Structure formats: structure tokens, C-alpha cells
Amino acid sequence: MIESLESLRDRLREFAKERDWDQYHTPKNLSMALIAEAAELVEHFQWVEGDQSHLLEDKTRQSVEEELADILIYLVRISDKLEVNLLEAAERKIAINEKKYPAELVRGSAKKYTEYE
């Protein structure tokens, strides 16, 4: 059972090693694979109304879950190759976003932070 990003990273390292795929897992290739998987995820929602996008049929839900897993897998592989701690990076980015989007200023709005300046 995968219990953390670190255990997922280690499992993915072993998976790639057993198949001699590390040679192909460059940040460039992994980022290209990541964006391809993200595009596959988007296809499930392309022609769905926004307020209906959370109502997925079982077959679609399973496919969406698999695409999300693929995205996570590639994200973890890229971060491993670049020695980025995703949790630390996310914490820093949230702090940046808190400054860009102060709750009292942006609550209920979808505007970009540059529209508030």
C-alpha cells in the first residue's frame, strides 16, 4: 500500500528500474507525458456543462481516476528527477497565492490577481 509521496516515489523508481526505463524518464519526456495525460483528463469534461462536471457515470469515473493517477505518477517522477520536494514546493506556492489572493479582497471572485492591482 502506498502511504506517502515518498513511498510512491520509491515504488515508481523501482518500477522504472525493473524495466530499464530510467533512460527515458528525463524531465523533458516526463513533462510531455504529463501534459498528454492532462489532455486525456480534459477530454472527459470537454463538452460537459460546468455544474454537471462532477456527476460522472461509473465508467467515466473509473477512467477519470486512471487519468488522475497517471498525472500524479508523472508528476512524482518529474519531481524525483529534479529533486523537488512536492509537499515543500506546494507549501511555498500556497503562501505565495495567499499574498496574491488575499481572502478579504478576492472572496467569491474568479479574477486573476493582476486584475486586483
PDB file of N, CA and C in Angstrom:
ATOM      1  N   MET A   1       0.838  -1.192   0.000  1.00  0.00           N
ATOM      2  CA  MET A   1       0.000   0.000   0.000  1.00  0.00           C
ATOM      3  C   MET A   1       0.876   1.246   0.000  1.00  0.00           C
ATOM      4  N   ILE A   2       0.576   2.166  -0.889  1.00  0.00           N
ATOM      5  CA  ILE A   2       1.307   3.427  -0.961  1.00  0.00           C
ATOM      6  C   ILE A   2       0.711   4.370   0.074  1.00  0.00           C
ATOM      7  N   GLU A   3       1.560   4.872   0.967  1.00  0.00           N
ATOM      8  CA  GLU A   3       1.080   5.679   2.081  1.00  0.00           C
ATOM      9  C   GLU A   3       1.552   7.128   2.073  1.00  0.00           C
ATOM     10  N   SER A   4       2.471   7.457   1.162  1.00  0.00           N
ATOM     11  CA  SER A   4       3.011   8.807   1.131  1.00  0.00           C
ATOM     12  C   SER A   4       3.591   9.079  -0.252  1.00  0.00           C
ATOM     13  N   LEU A   5       3.898  10.345  -0.505  1.00  0.00           N
ATOM     14  CA  LEU A   5       4.564  10.663  -1.764  1.00  0.00           C
ATOM     15  C   LEU A   5       5.927   9.981  -1.853  1.00  0.00           C
ATOM     16  N   GLU A   6       6.597   9.849  -0.716  1.00  0.00           N
ATOM     17  CA  GLU A   6       7.902   9.199  -0.713  1.00  0.00           C
ATOM     18  C   GLU A   6       7.780   7.717  -1.068  1.00  0.00           C
ATOM     19  N   SER A   7       6.786   7.035  -0.520  1.00  0.00           N
ATOM     20  CA  SER A   7       6.626   5.617  -0.853  1.00  0.00           C
ATOM     21  C   SER A   7       6.199   5.447  -2.309  1.00  0.00           C
ATOM     22  N   LEU A   8       5.390   6.377  -2.826  1.00  0.00           N
ATOM     23  CA  LEU A   8       5.028   6.340  -4.237  1.00  0.00           C
ATOM     24  C   LEU A   8       6.269   6.575  -5.090  1.00  0.00           C
ATOM     25  N   ARG A   9       7.067   7.557  -4.747  1.00  0.00           N
ATOM     26  CA  ARG A   9       8.312   7.840  -5.470  1.00  0.00           C
ATOM     27  C   ARG A   9       9.193   6.610  -5.516  1.00  0.00           C
ATOM     28  N   ASP A  10       9.369   5.952  -4.373  1.00  0.00           N
ATOM     29  CA  ASP A  10      10.223   4.765  -4.308  1.00  0.00           C
ATOM     30  C   ASP A  10       9.673   3.623  -5.150  1.00  0.00           C
ATOM     31  N   ARG A  11       8.365   3.444  -5.107  1.00  0.00           N
ATOM     32  CA  ARG A  11       7.749   2.385  -5.914  1.00  0.00           C
ATOM     33  C   ARG A  11       7.921   2.667  -7.402  1.00  0.00           C
ATOM     34  N   LEU A  12       7.764   3.928  -7.784  1.00  0.00           N
ATOM     35  CA  LEU A  12       7.937   4.293  -9.189  1.00  0.00           C
ATOM     36  C   LEU A  12       9.392   4.156  -9.630  1.00  0.00           C
ATOM     37  N   ARG A  13      10.335   4.478  -8.752  1.00  0.00           N
ATOM     38  CA  ARG A  13      11.753   4.276  -9.072  1.00  0.00           C
ATOM     39  C   ARG A  13      12.016   2.805  -9.379  1.00  0.00           C
ATOM     40  N   GLU A  14      11.505   1.939  -8.525  1.00  0.00           N
ATOM     41  CA  GLU A  14      11.704   0.502  -8.701  1.00  0.00           C
ATOM     42  C   GLU A  14      11.017   0.011  -9.971  1.00  0.00           C
ATOM     43  N   PHE A  15       9.810   0.483 -10.217  1.00  0.00           N
ATOM     44  CA  PHE A  15       9.066   0.106 -11.421  1.00  0.00           C
ATOM     45  C   PHE A  15       9.871   0.444 -12.676  1.00  0.00           C
ATOM     46  N   ALA A  16      10.401   1.666 -12.737  1.00  0.00           N
ATOM     47  CA  ALA A  16      11.194   2.093 -13.897  1.00  0.00           C
ATOM     48  C   ALA A  16      12.501   1.315 -13.992  1.00  0.00           C
ATOM     49  N   LYS A  17      13.143   1.081 -12.859  1.00  0.00           N
ATOM     50  CA  LYS A  17      14.412   0.347 -12.843  1.00  0.00           C
ATOM     51  C   LYS A  17      14.236  -1.073 -13.368  1.00  0.00           C
ATOM     52  N   GLU A  18      13.192  -1.753 -12.925  1.00  0.00           N
ATOM     53  CA  GLU A  18      12.944  -3.127 -13.352  1.00  0.00           C
ATOM     54  C   GLU A  18      12.740  -3.229 -14.865  1.00  0.00           C
ATOM     55  N   ARG A  19      12.301  -2.162 -15.489  1.00  0.00           N
ATOM     56  CA  ARG A  19      12.009  -2.161 -16.921  1.00  0.00           C
ATOM     57  C   ARG A  19      13.083  -1.449 -17.742  1.00  0.00           C
ATOM     58  N   ASP A  20      14.119  -0.973 -17.067  1.00  0.00           N
ATOM     59  CA  ASP A  20      15.182  -0.201 -17.698  1.00  0.00           C
ATOM     60  C   ASP A  20      14.617   1.013 -18.429  1.00  0.00           C
ATOM     61  N   TRP A  21      13.680   1.698 -17.787  1.00  0.00           N
ATOM     62  CA  TRP A  21      13.038   2.870 -18.373  1.00  0.00           C
ATOM     63  C   TRP A  21      13.634   4.182 -17.877  1.00  0.00           C
ATOM     64  N   ASP A  22      14.516   4.113 -16.908  1.00  0.00           N
ATOM     65  CA  ASP A  22      15.077   5.350 -16.369  1.00  0.00           C
ATOM     66  C   ASP A  22      15.735   6.184 -17.464  1.00  0.00           C
ATOM     67  N   GLN A  23      16.302   5.512 -18.446  1.00  0.00           N
ATOM     68  CA  GLN A  23      16.949   6.217 -19.552  1.00  0.00           C
ATOM     69  C   GLN A  23      15.984   7.111 -20.322  1.00  0.00           C
ATOM     70  N   TYR A  24      14.715   6.778 -20.287  1.00  0.00           N
ATOM     71  CA  TYR A  24      13.697   7.562 -20.989  1.00  0.00           C
ATOM     72  C   TYR A  24      13.006   8.585 -20.088  1.00  0.00           C
ATOM     73  N   HIS A  25      13.179   8.434 -18.788  1.00  0.00           N
ATOM     74  CA  HIS A  25      12.472   9.294 -17.836  1.00  0.00           C
ATOM     75  C   HIS A  25      13.266  10.566 -17.544  1.00  0.00           C
ATOM     76  N   THR A  26      13.432  11.352 -18.581  1.00  0.00           N
ATOM     77  CA  THR A  26      14.065  12.659 -18.427  1.00  0.00           C
ATOM     78  C   THR A  26      12.969  13.670 -18.057  1.00  0.00           C
ATOM     79  N   PRO A  27      13.330  14.770 -17.434  1.00  0.00           N
ATOM     80  CA  PRO A  27      12.306  15.773 -17.144  1.00  0.00           C
ATOM     81  C   PRO A  27      11.530  16.200 -18.393  1.00  0.00           C
ATOM     82  N   LYS A  28      12.209  16.323 -19.514  1.00  0.00           N
ATOM     83  CA  LYS A  28      11.537  16.697 -20.766  1.00  0.00           C
ATOM     84  C   LYS A  28      10.500  15.648 -21.149  1.00  0.00           C
ATOM     85  N   ASN A  29      10.888  14.396 -21.205  1.00  0.00           N
ATOM     86  CA  ASN A  29       9.957  13.347 -21.615  1.00  0.00           C
ATOM     87  C   ASN A  29       8.816  13.178 -20.620  1.00  0.00           C
ATOM     88  N   LEU A  30       9.142  13.244 -19.349  1.00  0.00           N
ATOM     89  CA  LEU A  30       8.110  13.088 -18.326  1.00  0.00           C
ATOM     90  C   LEU A  30       7.123  14.246 -18.347  1.00  0.00           C
ATOM     91  N   SER A  31       7.615  15.456 -18.593  1.00  0.00           N
ATOM     92  CA  SER A  31       6.696  16.600 -18.644  1.00  0.00           C
ATOM     93  C   SER A  31       5.801  16.512 -19.870  1.00  0.00           C
ATOM     94  N   MET A  32       6.318  15.997 -20.965  1.00  0.00           N
ATOM     95  CA  MET A  32       5.490  15.811 -22.160  1.00  0.00           C
ATOM     96  C   MET A  32       4.421  14.747 -21.905  1.00  0.00           C
ATOM     97  N   ALA A  33       4.799  13.664 -21.232  1.00  0.00           N
ATOM     98  CA  ALA A  33       3.829  12.624 -20.895  1.00  0.00           C
ATOM     99  C   ALA A  33       2.779  13.162 -19.932  1.00  0.00           C
ATOM    100  N   LEU A  34       3.204  13.995 -18.990  1.00  0.00           N
ATOM    101  CA  LEU A  34       2.277  14.597 -18.024  1.00  0.00           C
ATOM    102  C   LEU A  34       1.216  15.431 -18.733  1.00  0.00           C
ATOM    103  N   ILE A  35       1.629  16.261 -19.662  1.00  0.00           N
ATOM    104  CA  ILE A  35       0.667  17.121 -20.343  1.00  0.00           C
ATOM    105  C   ILE A  35      -0.262  16.305 -21.233  1.00  0.00           C
ATOM    106  N   ALA A  36       0.233  15.220 -21.800  1.00  0.00           N
ATOM    107  CA  ALA A  36      -0.623  14.337 -22.602  1.00  0.00           C
ATOM    108  C   ALA A  36      -1.694  13.695 -21.726  1.00  0.00           C
ATOM    109  N   GLU A  37      -1.316  13.271 -20.534  1.00  0.00           N
ATOM    110  CA  GLU A  37      -2.292  12.685 -19.608  1.00  0.00           C
ATOM    111  C   GLU A  37      -3.294  13.734 -19.135  1.00  0.00           C
ATOM    112  N   ALA A  38      -2.828  14.956 -18.916  1.00  0.00           N
ATOM    113  CA  ALA A  38      -3.741  16.031 -18.515  1.00  0.00           C
ATOM    114  C   ALA A  38      -4.753  16.295 -19.632  1.00  0.00           C
ATOM    115  N   ALA A  39      -4.299  16.235 -20.877  1.00  0.00           N
ATOM    116  CA  ALA A  39      -5.217  16.422 -22.005  1.00  0.00           C
ATOM    117  C   ALA A  39      -6.255  15.297 -22.048  1.00  0.00           C
ATOM    118  N   GLU A  40      -5.839  14.077 -21.735  1.00  0.00           N
ATOM    119  CA  GLU A  40      -6.789  12.961 -21.703  1.00  0.00           C
ATOM    120  C   GLU A  40      -7.833  13.172 -20.601  1.00  0.00           C
ATOM    121  N   LEU A  41      -7.419  13.741 -19.485  1.00  0.00           N
ATOM    122  CA  LEU A  41      -8.367  14.061 -18.422  1.00  0.00           C
ATOM    123  C   LEU A  41      -9.377  15.107 -18.894  1.00  0.00           C
ATOM    124  N   VAL A  42      -8.885  16.138 -19.531  1.00  0.00           N
ATOM    125  CA  VAL A  42      -9.741  17.224 -20.002  1.00  0.00           C
ATOM    126  C   VAL A  42     -10.791  16.717 -20.988  1.00  0.00           C
ATOM    127  N   GLU A  43     -10.444  15.727 -21.784  1.00  0.00           N
ATOM    128  CA  GLU A  43     -11.400  15.192 -22.765  1.00  0.00           C
ATOM    129  C   GLU A  43     -12.696  14.718 -22.102  1.00  0.00           C
ATOM    130  N   HIS A  44     -12.621  14.235 -20.887  1.00  0.00           N
ATOM    131  CA  HIS A  44     -13.813  13.754 -20.193  1.00  0.00           C
ATOM    132  C   HIS A  44     -14.777  14.885 -19.828  1.00  0.00           C
ATOM    133  N   PHE A  45     -14.275  16.109 -19.788  1.00  0.00           N
ATOM    134  CA  PHE A  45     -15.092  17.245 -19.368  1.00  0.00           C
ATOM    135  C   PHE A  45     -15.323  18.265 -20.479  1.00  0.00           C
ATOM    136  N   GLN A  46     -14.766  18.004 -21.646  1.00  0.00           N
ATOM    137  CA  GLN A  46     -14.758  18.989 -22.727  1.00  0.00           C
ATOM    138  C   GLN A  46     -16.147  19.510 -23.085  1.00  0.00           C
ATOM    139  N   TRP A  47     -17.145  18.670 -23.186  1.00  0.00           N
ATOM    140  CA  TRP A  47     -18.461  19.100 -23.633  1.00  0.00           C
ATOM    141  C   TRP A  47     -19.514  18.961 -22.547  1.00  0.00           C
ATOM    142  N   VAL A  48     -19.062  18.980 -21.309  1.00  0.00           N
ATOM    143  CA  VAL A  48     -19.969  18.863 -20.170  1.00  0.00           C
ATOM    144  C   VAL A  48     -20.148  20.248 -19.555  1.00  0.00           C
ATOM    145  N   GLU A  49     -21.377  20.575 -19.198  1.00  0.00           N
ATOM    146  CA  GLU A  49     -21.623  21.849 -18.514  1.00  0.00           C
ATOM    147  C   GLU A  49     -20.879  21.860 -17.183  1.00  0.00           C
ATOM    148  N   GLY A  50     -20.366  23.007 -16.798  1.00  0.00           N
ATOM    149  CA  GLY A  50     -19.573  23.123 -15.575  1.00  0.00           C
ATOM    150  C   GLY A  50     -20.257  22.589 -14.338  1.00  0.00           C
ATOM    151  N   ASP A  51     -21.532  22.911 -14.169  1.00  0.00           N
ATOM    152  CA  ASP A  51     -22.236  22.476 -12.968  1.00  0.00           C
ATOM    153  C   ASP A  51     -22.589  20.990 -12.997  1.00  0.00           C
ATOM    154  N   GLN A  52     -22.396  20.354 -14.136  1.00  0.00           N
ATOM    155  CA  GLN A  52     -22.657  18.913 -14.259  1.00  0.00           C
ATOM    156  C   GLN A  52     -21.367  18.092 -14.264  1.00  0.00           C
ATOM    157  N   SER A  53     -20.228  18.762 -14.254  1.00  0.00           N
ATOM    158  CA  SER A  53     -18.958  18.057 -14.444  1.00  0.00           C
ATOM    159  C   SER A  53     -18.591  17.123 -13.289  1.00  0.00           C
ATOM    160  N   HIS A  54     -19.215  17.279 -12.149  1.00  0.00           N
ATOM    161  CA  HIS A  54     -18.928  16.381 -11.028  1.00  0.00           C
ATOM    162  C   HIS A  54     -19.823  15.142 -11.033  1.00  0.00           C
ATOM    163  N   LEU A  55     -20.803  15.103 -11.917  1.00  0.00           N
ATOM    164  CA  LEU A  55     -21.717  13.966 -12.000  1.00  0.00           C
ATOM    165  C   LEU A  55     -21.214  13.003 -13.070  1.00  0.00           C
ATOM    166  N   LEU A  56     -20.407  12.042 -12.664  1.00  0.00           N
ATOM    167  CA  LEU A  56     -19.785  11.120 -13.605  1.00  0.00           C
ATOM    168  C   LEU A  56     -20.432   9.748 -13.541  1.00  0.00           C
ATOM    169  N   GLU A  57     -20.646   9.158 -14.706  1.00  0.00           N
ATOM    170  CA  GLU A  57     -21.087   7.771 -14.747  1.00  0.00           C
ATOM    171  C   GLU A  57     -19.943   6.893 -14.254  1.00  0.00           C
ATOM    172  N   ASP A  58     -20.244   5.699 -13.787  1.00  0.00           N
ATOM    173  CA  ASP A  58     -19.225   4.822 -13.201  1.00  0.00           C
ATOM    174  C   ASP A  58     -18.054   4.578 -14.149  1.00  0.00           C
ATOM    175  N   LYS A  59     -18.336   4.294 -15.407  1.00  0.00           N
ATOM    176  CA  LYS A  59     -17.277   4.025 -16.381  1.00  0.00           C
ATOM    177  C   LYS A  59     -16.394   5.254 -16.572  1.00  0.00           C
ATOM    178  N   THR A  60     -17.028   6.412 -16.664  1.00  0.00           N
ATOM    179  CA  THR A  60     -16.273   7.652 -16.827  1.00  0.00           C
ATOM    180  C   THR A  60     -15.461   7.952 -15.577  1.00  0.00           C
ATOM    181  N   ARG A  61     -16.058   7.745 -14.412  1.00  0.00           N
ATOM    182  CA  ARG A  61     -15.346   7.980 -13.153  1.00  0.00           C
ATOM    183  C   ARG A  61     -14.081   7.125 -13.082  1.00  0.00           C
ATOM    184  N   GLN A  62     -14.178   5.865 -13.460  1.00  0.00           N
ATOM    185  CA  GLN A  62     -13.007   4.976 -13.433  1.00  0.00           C
ATOM    186  C   GLN A  62     -11.921   5.498 -14.367  1.00  0.00           C
ATOM    187  N   SER A  63     -12.314   5.940 -15.541  1.00  0.00           N
ATOM    188  CA  SER A  63     -11.351   6.478 -16.499  1.00  0.00           C
ATOM    189  C   SER A  63     -10.718   7.768 -15.976  1.00  0.00           C
ATOM    190  N   VAL A  64     -11.523   8.631 -15.367  1.00  0.00           N
ATOM    191  CA  VAL A  64     -11.007   9.874 -14.783  1.00  0.00           C
ATOM    192  C   VAL A  64     -10.012   9.556 -13.666  1.00  0.00           C
ATOM    193  N   GLU A  65     -10.340   8.587 -12.830  1.00  0.00           N
ATOM    194  CA  GLU A  65      -9.423   8.186 -11.761  1.00  0.00           C
ATOM    195  C   GLU A  65      -8.095   7.704 -12.331  1.00  0.00           C
ATOM    196  N   GLU A  66      -8.138   6.943 -13.406  1.00  0.00           N
ATOM    197  CA  GLU A  66      -6.905   6.453 -14.026  1.00  0.00           C
ATOM    198  C   GLU A  66      -6.080   7.587 -14.612  1.00  0.00           C
ATOM    199  N   GLU A  67      -6.745   8.554 -15.220  1.00  0.00           N
ATOM    200  CA  GLU A  67      -6.013   9.710 -15.753  1.00  0.00           C
ATOM    201  C   GLU A  67      -5.385  10.522 -14.627  1.00  0.00           C
ATOM    202  N   LEU A  68      -6.127  10.718 -13.551  1.00  0.00           N
ATOM    203  CA  LEU A  68      -5.564  11.429 -12.395  1.00  0.00           C
ATOM    204  C   LEU A  68      -4.363  10.685 -11.835  1.00  0.00           C
ATOM    205  N   ALA A  69      -4.443   9.368 -11.776  1.00  0.00           N
ATOM    206  CA  ALA A  69      -3.315   8.571 -11.295  1.00  0.00           C
ATOM    207  C   ALA A  69      -2.114   8.726 -12.226  1.00  0.00           C
ATOM    208  N   ASP A  70      -2.350   8.690 -13.542  1.00  0.00           N
ATOM    209  CA  ASP A  70      -1.250   8.887 -14.493  1.00  0.00           C
ATOM    210  C   ASP A  70      -0.592  10.241 -14.287  1.00  0.00           C
ATOM    211  N   ILE A  71      -1.402  11.272 -14.092  1.00  0.00           N
ATOM    212  CA  ILE A  71      -0.873  12.620 -13.870  1.00  0.00           C
ATOM    213  C   ILE A  71      -0.019  12.651 -12.610  1.00  0.00           C
ATOM    214  N   LEU A  72      -0.527  12.056 -11.539  1.00  0.00           N
ATOM    215  CA  LEU A  72       0.230  12.018 -10.292  1.00  0.00           C
ATOM    216  C   LEU A  72       1.545  11.253 -10.465  1.00  0.00           C
ATOM    217  N   ILE A  73       1.483  10.136 -11.142  1.00  0.00           N
ATOM    218  CA  ILE A  73       2.687   9.316 -11.363  1.00  0.00           C
ATOM    219  C   ILE A  73       3.748  10.115 -12.107  1.00  0.00           C
ATOM    220  N   TYR A  74       3.361  10.764 -13.199  1.00  0.00           N
ATOM    221  CA  TYR A  74       4.349  11.543 -13.945  1.00  0.00           C
ATOM    222  C   TYR A  74       4.847  12.738 -13.139  1.00  0.00           C
ATOM    223  N   LEU A  75       3.981  13.369 -12.388  1.00  0.00           N
ATOM    224  CA  LEU A  75       4.384  14.495 -11.550  1.00  0.00           C
ATOM    225  C   LEU A  75       5.414  14.063 -10.504  1.00  0.00           C
ATOM    226  N   VAL A  76       5.160  12.934  -9.882  1.00  0.00           N
ATOM    227  CA  VAL A  76       6.099  12.428  -8.873  1.00  0.00           C
ATOM    228  C   VAL A  76       7.428  12.038  -9.523  1.00  0.00           C
ATOM    229  N   ARG A  77       7.387  11.433 -10.712  1.00  0.00           N
ATOM    230  CA  ARG A  77       8.637  11.066 -11.404  1.00  0.00           C
ATOM    231  C   ARG A  77       9.449  12.308 -11.767  1.00  0.00           C
ATOM    232  N   ILE A  78       8.776  13.338 -12.276  1.00  0.00           N
ATOM    233  CA  ILE A  78       9.492  14.569 -12.627  1.00  0.00           C
ATOM    234  C   ILE A  78      10.114  15.182 -11.381  1.00  0.00           C
ATOM    235  N   SER A  79       9.349  15.261 -10.326  1.00  0.00           N
ATOM    236  CA  SER A  79       9.882  15.868  -9.099  1.00  0.00           C
ATOM    237  C   SER A  79      11.054  15.059  -8.565  1.00  0.00           C
ATOM    238  N   ASP A  80      11.007  13.740  -8.697  1.00  0.00           N
ATOM    239  CA  ASP A  80      12.123  12.890  -8.268  1.00  0.00           C
ATOM    240  C   ASP A  80      13.365  13.190  -9.099  1.00  0.00           C
ATOM    241  N   LYS A  81      13.197  13.272 -10.397  1.00  0.00           N
ATOM    242  CA  LYS A  81      14.344  13.529 -11.288  1.00  0.00           C
ATOM    243  C   LYS A  81      14.959  14.899 -11.025  1.00  0.00           C
ATOM    244  N   LEU A  82      14.133  15.869 -10.648  1.00  0.00           N
ATOM    245  CA  LEU A  82      14.626  17.229 -10.409  1.00  0.00           C
ATOM    246  C   LEU A  82      14.908  17.506  -8.933  1.00  0.00           C
ATOM    247  N   GLU A  83      14.723  16.471  -8.107  1.00  0.00           N
ATOM    248  CA  GLU A  83      14.954  16.574  -6.667  1.00  0.00           C
ATOM    249  C   GLU A  83      14.131  17.706  -6.043  1.00  0.00           C
ATOM    250  N   VAL A  84      12.854  17.738  -6.408  1.00  0.00           N
ATOM    251  CA  VAL A  84      11.914  18.713  -5.857  1.00  0.00           C
ATOM    252  C   VAL A  84      11.031  17.997  -4.842  1.00  0.00           C
ATOM    253  N   ASN A  85      10.965  18.532  -3.649  1.00  0.00           N
ATOM    254  CA  ASN A  85      10.048  18.009  -2.646  1.00  0.00           C
ATOM    255  C   ASN A  85       8.689  18.658  -2.917  1.00  0.00           C
ATOM    256  N   LEU A  86       7.769  17.861  -3.427  1.00  0.00           N
ATOM    257  CA  LEU A  86       6.473  18.407  -3.837  1.00  0.00           C
ATOM    258  C   LEU A  86       5.696  19.031  -2.689  1.00  0.00           C
ATOM    259  N   LEU A  87       5.746  18.423  -1.517  1.00  0.00           N
ATOM    260  CA  LEU A  87       4.998  18.979  -0.390  1.00  0.00           C
ATOM    261  C   LEU A  87       5.569  20.324   0.039  1.00  0.00           C
ATOM    262  N   GLU A  88       6.888  20.442   0.070  1.00  0.00           N
ATOM    263  CA  GLU A  88       7.507  21.718   0.414  1.00  0.00           C
ATOM    264  C   GLU A  88       7.221  22.769  -0.658  1.00  0.00           C
ATOM    265  N   ALA A  89       7.300  22.355  -1.926  1.00  0.00           N
ATOM    266  CA  ALA A  89       7.017  23.283  -3.021  1.00  0.00           C
ATOM    267  C   ALA A  89       5.565  23.751  -2.965  1.00  0.00           C
ATOM    268  N   ALA A  90       4.650  22.832  -2.663  1.00  0.00           N
ATOM    269  CA  ALA A  90       3.233  23.196  -2.565  1.00  0.00           C
ATOM    270  C   ALA A  90       3.015  24.168  -1.407  1.00  0.00           C
ATOM    271  N   GLU A  91       3.671  23.928  -0.292  1.00  0.00           N
ATOM    272  CA  GLU A  91       3.544  24.828   0.861  1.00  0.00           C
ATOM    273  C   GLU A  91       4.013  26.235   0.502  1.00  0.00           C
ATOM    274  N   ARG A  92       5.145  26.327  -0.198  1.00  0.00           N
ATOM    275  CA  ARG A  92       5.650  27.636  -0.616  1.00  0.00           C
ATOM    276  C   ARG A  92       4.688  28.309  -1.591  1.00  0.00           C
ATOM    277  N   LYS A  93       4.149  27.541  -2.521  1.00  0.00           N
ATOM    278  CA  LYS A  93       3.242  28.103  -3.522  1.00  0.00           C
ATOM    279  C   LYS A  93       1.932  28.574  -2.891  1.00  0.00           C
ATOM    280  N   ILE A  94       1.437  27.843  -1.918  1.00  0.00           N
ATOM    281  CA  ILE A  94       0.227  28.280  -1.213  1.00  0.00           C
ATOM    282  C   ILE A  94       0.482  29.614  -0.516  1.00  0.00           C
ATOM    283  N   ALA A  95       1.645  29.756   0.098  1.00  0.00           N
ATOM    284  CA  ALA A  95       1.992  31.027   0.762  1.00  0.00           C
ATOM    285  C   ALA A  95       2.043  32.171  -0.249  1.00  0.00           C
ATOM    286  N   ILE A  96       2.599  31.910  -1.419  1.00  0.00           N
ATOM    287  CA  ILE A  96       2.636  32.923  -2.481  1.00  0.00           C
ATOM    288  C   ILE A  96       1.218  33.291  -2.894  1.00  0.00           C
ATOM    289  N   ASN A  97       0.376  32.276  -3.086  1.00  0.00           N
ATOM    290  CA  ASN A  97      -1.002  32.529  -3.512  1.00  0.00           C
ATOM    291  C   ASN A  97      -1.817  33.264  -2.455  1.00  0.00           C
ATOM    292  N   GLU A  98      -1.507  33.018  -1.181  1.00  0.00           N
ATOM    293  CA  GLU A  98      -2.197  33.754  -0.114  1.00  0.00           C
ATOM    294  C   GLU A  98      -1.912  35.246  -0.218  1.00  0.00           C
ATOM    295  N   LYS A  99      -0.698  35.589  -0.627  1.00  0.00           N
ATOM    296  CA  LYS A  99      -0.351  37.006  -0.794  1.00  0.00           C
ATOM    297  C   LYS A  99      -0.973  37.582  -2.068  1.00  0.00           C
ATOM    298  N   LYS A 100      -0.977  36.782  -3.134  1.00  0.00           N
ATOM    299  CA  LYS A 100      -1.556  37.241  -4.399  1.00  0.00           C
ATOM    300  C   LYS A 100      -3.070  37.403  -4.301  1.00  0.00           C
ATOM    301  N   TYR A 101      -3.691  36.517  -3.539  1.00  0.00           N
ATOM    302  CA  TYR A 101      -5.148  36.475  -3.452  1.00  0.00           C
ATOM    303  C   TYR A 101      -5.611  36.580  -1.999  1.00  0.00           C
ATOM    304  N   PRO A 102      -5.517  37.765  -1.389  1.00  0.00           N
ATOM    305  CA  PRO A 102      -5.991  37.918  -0.018  1.00  0.00           C
ATOM    306  C   PRO A 102      -7.499  37.632   0.046  1.00  0.00           C
ATOM    307  N   ALA A 103      -7.895  36.792   0.976  1.00  0.00           N
ATOM    308  CA  ALA A 103      -9.288  36.338   1.070  1.00  0.00           C
ATOM    309  C   ALA A 103     -10.267  37.505   1.133  1.00  0.00           C
ATOM    310  N   GLU A 104      -9.929  38.520   1.911  1.00  0.00           N
ATOM    311  CA  GLU A 104     -10.860  39.643   2.076  1.00  0.00           C
ATOM    312  C   GLU A 104     -11.035  40.441   0.780  1.00  0.00           C
ATOM    313  N   LEU A 105     -10.101  40.295  -0.151  1.00  0.00           N
ATOM    314  CA  LEU A 105     -10.164  41.038  -1.410  1.00  0.00           C
ATOM    315  C   LEU A 105     -10.788  40.216  -2.539  1.00  0.00           C
ATOM    316  N   VAL A 106     -10.587  38.912  -2.528  1.00  0.00           N
ATOM    317  CA  VAL A 106     -10.972  38.093  -3.682  1.00  0.00           C
ATOM    318  C   VAL A 106     -12.134  37.128  -3.423  1.00  0.00           C
ATOM    319  N   ARG A 107     -12.620  37.086  -2.223  1.00  0.00           N
ATOM    320  CA  ARG A 107     -13.679  36.119  -1.875  1.00  0.00           C
ATOM    321  C   ARG A 107     -14.807  36.148  -2.895  1.00  0.00           C
ATOM    322  N   GLY A 108     -15.119  34.972  -3.454  1.00  0.00           N
ATOM    323  CA  GLY A 108     -16.230  34.831  -4.383  1.00  0.00           C
ATOM    324  C   GLY A 108     -15.931  35.279  -5.808  1.00  0.00           C
ATOM    325  N   SER A 109     -14.702  35.639  -6.095  1.00  0.00           N
ATOM    326  CA  SER A 109     -14.346  36.121  -7.431  1.00  0.00           C
ATOM    327  C   SER A 109     -13.351  35.178  -8.093  1.00  0.00           C
ATOM    328  N   ALA A 110     -13.452  35.038  -9.411  1.00  0.00           N
ATOM    329  CA  ALA A 110     -12.531  34.192 -10.166  1.00  0.00           C
ATOM    330  C   ALA A 110     -11.521  35.035 -10.959  1.00  0.00           C
ATOM    331  N   LYS A 111     -11.431  36.320 -10.654  1.00  0.00           N
ATOM    332  CA  LYS A 111     -10.492  37.172 -11.363  1.00  0.00           C
ATOM    333  C   LYS A 111      -9.055  36.772 -11.055  1.00  0.00           C
ATOM    334  N   LYS A 112      -8.175  37.033 -12.024  1.00  0.00           N
ATOM    335  CA  LYS A 112      -6.750  36.819 -11.832  1.00  0.00           C
ATOM    336  C   LYS A 112      -6.196  37.903 -10.911  1.00  0.00           C
ATOM    337  N   TYR A 113      -5.139  37.579 -10.183  1.00  0.00           N
ATOM    338  CA  TYR A 113      -4.593  38.518  -9.207  1.00  0.00           C
ATOM    339  C   TYR A 113      -4.184  39.845  -9.831  1.00  0.00           C
ATOM    340  N   THR A 114      -3.796  39.847 -11.092  1.00  0.00           N
ATOM    341  CA  THR A 114      -3.382  41.096 -11.741  1.00  0.00           C
ATOM    342  C   THR A 114      -4.556  42.046 -11.939  1.00  0.00           C
ATOM    343  N   GLU A 115      -5.784  41.534 -11.865  1.00  0.00           N
ATOM    344  CA  GLU A 115      -6.957  42.385 -12.023  1.00  0.00           C
ATOM    345  C   GLU A 115      -7.317  43.116 -10.741  1.00  0.00           C
ATOM    346  N   TYR A 116      -6.647  42.813  -9.651  1.00  0.00           N
ATOM    347  CA  TYR A 116      -6.918  43.443  -8.370  1.00  0.00           C
ATOM    348  C   TYR A 116      -5.930  44.562  -8.068  1.00  0.00           C
ATOM    349  N   GLU A 117      -4.879  44.609  -8.826  1.00  0.00           N
ATOM    350  CA  GLU A 117      -3.849  45.605  -8.546  1.00  0.00           C
ATOM    351  C   GLU A 117      -4.174  46.943  -9.133  1.00  0.00           C
TER     352      GLU A 117
END
